[in-house]
């Protein structure tokens, strides 16, 4: 698998990212 594909899996489209992440909450703080 390419790096780009892995990044796309780790970082989905903005529409799929919870609002707190879009607002800049560090990934380490997700529950």
N, C-alpha and C. Protein backbone atom coordinates (compact mmCIF):
# COMPACT_ATOMS: atom_id res chain seq x y z
N UNK A 1 0.86 -1.20 0.00
CA UNK A 1 0.00 0.00 0.00
C UNK A 1 0.89 1.25 0.00
N UNK A 2 0.50 2.23 -0.75
CA UNK A 2 1.30 3.45 -0.84
C UNK A 2 1.11 4.30 0.41
N UNK A 3 2.09 5.17 0.65
CA UNK A 3 1.99 6.08 1.80
C UNK A 3 0.74 6.94 1.68
N UNK A 4 0.47 7.39 0.46
CA UNK A 4 -0.69 8.26 0.26
C UNK A 4 -1.98 7.54 0.66
N UNK A 5 -2.09 6.27 0.29
CA UNK A 5 -3.29 5.50 0.64
C UNK A 5 -3.42 5.37 2.15
N UNK A 6 -2.30 5.14 2.82
CA UNK A 6 -2.35 5.02 4.28
C UNK A 6 -2.78 6.34 4.91
N UNK A 7 -2.24 7.44 4.39
CA UNK A 7 -2.61 8.74 4.93
C UNK A 7 -4.09 9.01 4.72
N UNK A 8 -4.62 8.60 3.58
CA UNK A 8 -6.04 8.81 3.32
C UNK A 8 -6.89 7.99 4.30
N UNK A 9 -6.39 6.82 4.69
CA UNK A 9 -7.12 6.01 5.66
C UNK A 9 -7.05 6.63 7.05
N UNK A 10 -5.90 7.19 7.40
CA UNK A 10 -5.74 7.80 8.71
C UNK A 10 -6.46 9.13 8.81
N UNK A 11 -6.48 9.86 7.70
CA UNK A 11 -7.08 11.18 7.69
C UNK A 11 -8.18 11.24 6.64
N UNK A 12 -9.39 10.82 7.00
CA UNK A 12 -10.51 10.82 6.05
C UNK A 12 -10.84 12.23 5.58
N UNK A 13 -11.79 12.32 4.68
CA UNK A 13 -12.19 13.64 4.18
C UNK A 13 -12.72 14.49 5.32
N UNK A 14 -12.63 15.79 5.17
CA UNK A 14 -13.04 16.73 6.22
C UNK A 14 -14.47 16.45 6.68
N UNK A 15 -15.33 16.04 5.76
CA UNK A 15 -16.73 15.79 6.10
C UNK A 15 -16.86 14.64 7.09
N UNK A 16 -15.85 13.76 7.15
CA UNK A 16 -15.91 12.59 8.03
C UNK A 16 -15.19 12.83 9.34
N UNK A 17 -14.43 13.92 9.42
CA UNK A 17 -13.66 14.20 10.63
C UNK A 17 -14.53 14.93 11.65
N UNK A 18 -14.58 14.42 12.90
CA UNK A 18 -15.38 15.08 13.94
C UNK A 18 -15.01 16.54 14.10
N UNK A 19 -15.99 17.34 14.48
CA UNK A 19 -15.78 18.80 14.55
C UNK A 19 -14.61 19.16 15.44
N UNK A 20 -14.44 18.46 16.56
CA UNK A 20 -13.36 18.82 17.48
C UNK A 20 -12.00 18.68 16.79
N UNK A 21 -11.86 17.72 15.88
CA UNK A 21 -10.60 17.57 15.16
C UNK A 21 -10.42 18.74 14.19
N UNK A 22 -11.50 19.12 13.49
CA UNK A 22 -11.41 20.22 12.54
C UNK A 22 -11.03 21.51 13.27
N UNK A 23 -11.46 21.63 14.52
CA UNK A 23 -11.15 22.83 15.29
C UNK A 23 -9.72 22.81 15.80
N UNK A 24 -9.02 21.70 15.62
CA UNK A 24 -7.60 21.67 15.93
C UNK A 24 -7.23 20.87 17.17
N UNK A 25 -8.13 20.04 17.70
CA UNK A 25 -7.78 19.21 18.85
C UNK A 25 -6.70 18.21 18.43
N UNK A 26 -5.65 18.08 19.20
CA UNK A 26 -4.57 17.14 18.86
C UNK A 26 -5.12 15.73 18.74
N UNK A 27 -4.59 14.96 17.81
CA UNK A 27 -5.06 13.60 17.58
C UNK A 27 -4.92 12.75 18.84
N UNK A 28 -3.94 13.08 19.70
CA UNK A 28 -3.72 12.31 20.92
C UNK A 28 -4.89 12.42 21.89
N UNK A 29 -5.72 13.46 21.73
CA UNK A 29 -6.80 13.69 22.69
C UNK A 29 -8.10 13.00 22.31
N UNK A 30 -8.12 12.30 21.17
CA UNK A 30 -9.38 11.65 20.79
C UNK A 30 -9.65 10.47 21.72
N UNK A 31 -10.92 10.19 21.98
CA UNK A 31 -11.29 9.15 22.94
C UNK A 31 -11.91 7.96 22.24
